[in-house]
Amino acid sequence: MGIPESGKKLNRQGLTEEEFLSAYDASKFDRPSVTADLLVFTIAGDEKTGDKKQGGKVDGGKKLKLLMVDIRKVAGNFAKH
C-alpha cells in the first residue's frame, strides 16, 4: 500500500482504483441492499437514564432511530387474514 512513482494510490493488493474497479464483479457478492417504501426517522433522548437537563432540554444522549417499511409486505400480510 502506498503511492508509486505514478502518483496513484494503491490498495493492499497493489491495485489502483481504476484497476480494482475494472476487475470488480458485483455478481460475486450478495446484495444486502433493501428498498423501502416508507422511512420514519426519530431523534429521541433516553428518559430512563436521565438525559434531560433542567428546563426540559435533552442533552447529548440523543439517539437516531430509523424504521423502514416495505408497504408490499405489510399489505400482503393484511390481505392474507
Foldseek 3Di string as FASTA:
>chain_A
DQADPVRFDADPVRDGPVRCVVPDDPVVDDDPDDDAPDKDKDKDADVVVPQADPPRDGPPRIDIDMDGHHVVVVVVVVVVD
